[in-house]
Structure formats: C-alpha cells, structure tokens
Amino acid sequence: MDCTNNTNNTPDNETIARFAKAMGHPTRIEILRFLASLDSCYFGDIHNELPISKATVSQHLKELKDAGLIQGEIETPKVKYCINRENWEKAQSYFVQFFSLKHDKTSCCK
C-alpha cells in the first residue's frame, strides 16, 4: 500500500508521523501552546518568555517549522513566529480522524 496516496481524503501516515514527531517533546508543546495563545505573530525571543535556553529554543523551533506547524520570518532585528494556521487545522483534523478509529474488541489483552 502506498502510504502517500491520499485518495480517500484520509491523512497519510507520513504526514501524521511528521506532526506527531514535531509534537513529541514537552518543550515543543510548550512553544506551541505559547504561540497558539497569541492573537497575532510574536516578535521577540521566545527564550525570554519561556524558561528555555536560546540554543534549545532554536533547535525546537527548527523542528516545529520543518514539520510545518509554525512559521518564522526574519524581520531584523527580531524573528516573527506564529502558528501555521493551515497546517494547525490539518493536524487537528488528522489526529481527530486517527484517534476516532474504532475496533470491535473491548480489549486486545483479554
């Protein structure tokens, strides 16, 4: 089966895994919560808002940006960060679909 074939309007496994990997660290979740709580893009250094070092912030922002969950643009002397609304909604929809998969057995261990 081709996991990238999306003919049934079902998210492909690669996309779900990319979003899940990016969200797979507590610091990234904290960054996403911070950015999602804002009404507009954030101009500033996230390490000033959250108890995280600059190097750690940079690494986590790269992962989130590579996954498409956030956007960042350099506007000297600061960088502008915000949630990528299109992919945020896509991730939300994909995870809802994924976690609503049903099976008939109440437990596979009984």
Protein backbone atom coordinates (compact mmCIF):
# COMPACT_ATOMS: atom_id res chain seq x y z
CA MET A 1 0.00 0.00 0.00
CA ASP A 2 1.28 3.45 -0.89
CA CYS A 3 1.15 5.50 2.33
CA THR A 4 1.36 8.77 0.43
CA ASN A 5 -1.74 8.03 -1.65
CA ASN A 6 -4.50 10.16 -0.19
CA THR A 7 -7.42 9.13 -2.40
CA ASN A 8 -9.95 8.61 0.43
CA ASN A 9 -9.41 12.06 1.95
CA THR A 10 -7.57 10.27 4.76
CA PRO A 11 -4.30 11.67 6.01
CA ASP A 12 -1.29 9.67 5.01
CA ASN A 13 0.84 8.03 7.66
CA GLU A 14 3.89 10.11 6.78
CA THR A 15 2.09 13.39 7.46
CA ILE A 16 0.62 12.20 10.76
CA ALA A 17 4.05 10.91 11.83
CA ARG A 18 5.74 14.21 10.91
CA PHE A 19 3.26 16.20 13.01
CA ALA A 20 3.47 13.69 15.88
CA LYS A 21 7.27 13.73 15.88
CA ALA A 22 7.34 17.53 16.00
CA MET A 23 4.90 17.46 18.91
CA GLY A 24 6.79 14.64 20.63
CA HIS A 25 8.73 16.80 23.08
CA PRO A 26 7.33 18.70 26.09
CA THR A 27 9.29 21.85 25.19
CA ARG A 28 7.78 21.91 21.70
CA ILE A 29 4.32 21.53 23.19
CA GLU A 30 5.09 24.47 25.48
CA ILE A 31 6.23 26.56 22.49
CA LEU A 32 3.10 25.62 20.52
CA ARG A 33 0.86 26.49 23.50
CA PHE A 34 2.57 29.86 23.82
CA LEU A 35 2.26 30.72 20.13
CA ALA A 36 -1.31 29.39 19.89
CA SER A 37 -2.36 31.61 22.80
CA LEU A 38 -1.44 34.76 20.88
CA ASP A 39 -3.83 36.68 18.66
CA SER A 40 -1.04 37.67 16.30
CA CYS A 41 2.51 36.73 15.42
CA TYR A 42 5.14 37.03 18.11
CA PHE A 43 8.05 39.39 17.52
CA GLY A 44 10.71 38.55 20.05
CA ASP A 45 12.84 35.94 21.66
CA ILE A 46 10.81 33.00 22.91
CA HIS A 47 13.54 32.15 25.40
CA ASN A 48 12.61 35.41 27.19
CA GLU A 49 9.01 34.19 27.60
CA LEU A 50 9.72 30.55 28.44
CA PRO A 51 12.42 29.14 30.74
CA ILE A 52 14.42 27.72 27.82
CA SER A 53 17.93 28.50 26.60
CA LYS A 54 18.48 30.16 23.21
CA ALA A 55 20.13 27.06 21.73
CA THR A 56 17.30 24.81 22.88
CA VAL A 57 14.65 27.20 21.56
CA SER A 58 16.41 27.35 18.21
CA GLN A 59 16.54 23.56 17.90
CA HIS A 60 12.87 23.13 18.81
CA LEU A 61 11.69 25.96 16.56
CA LYS A 62 13.51 24.32 13.66
CA GLU A 63 11.70 21.02 14.27
CA LEU A 64 8.31 22.74 14.51
CA LYS A 65 8.98 24.81 11.40
CA ASP A 66 10.25 21.80 9.41
CA ALA A 67 7.02 19.97 10.27
CA GLY A 68 5.01 22.98 9.11
CA LEU A 69 3.32 23.63 12.45
CA ILE A 70 4.81 27.13 12.81
CA GLN A 71 6.05 29.86 10.52
CA GLY A 72 9.02 32.09 11.15
CA GLU A 73 10.37 35.07 9.26
CA ILE A 74 13.38 37.23 9.98
CA GLU A 75 12.44 40.88 10.34
CA THR A 76 15.63 42.45 11.60
CA PRO A 77 16.44 42.65 14.44
CA LYS A 78 13.81 40.12 15.54
CA VAL A 79 12.23 36.99 14.16
CA LYS A 80 8.47 36.74 13.75
CA TYR A 81 6.87 33.44 14.81
CA CYS A 82 3.31 32.23 14.53
CA ILE A 83 1.25 29.09 14.23
CA ASN A 84 0.85 27.94 10.64
CA ARG A 85 -2.96 28.03 10.80
CA GLU A 86 -3.50 25.89 7.71
CA ASN A 87 -1.29 23.04 8.96
CA TRP A 88 -2.52 23.50 12.55
CA GLU A 89 -6.07 22.82 11.37
CA LYS A 90 -4.86 19.95 9.19
CA ALA A 91 -3.01 18.37 12.15
CA GLN A 92 -6.08 18.77 14.36
CA SER A 93 -8.28 17.09 11.77
CA TYR A 94 -5.77 14.28 11.15
CA PHE A 95 -5.39 13.46 14.85
CA VAL A 96 -9.16 13.51 15.40
CA GLN A 97 -9.59 11.09 12.49
CA PHE A 98 -6.75 8.89 13.72
CA PHE A 99 -7.92 8.68 17.33
CA SER A 100 -11.51 8.03 16.30
CA LEU A 101 -10.55 4.76 14.61
CA LYS A 102 -12.71 2.08 16.16
CA HIS A 103 -12.30 -1.59 16.78
CA ASP A 104 -14.83 -4.19 17.90
CA LYS A 105 -12.97 -5.70 20.85
CA THR A 106 -13.07 -4.00 24.22
CA SER A 107 -9.55 -5.16 24.97
CA CYS A 108 -6.95 -6.95 22.93
CA CYS A 109 -5.34 -8.37 26.07
CA LYS A 110 -8.27 -10.44 27.34
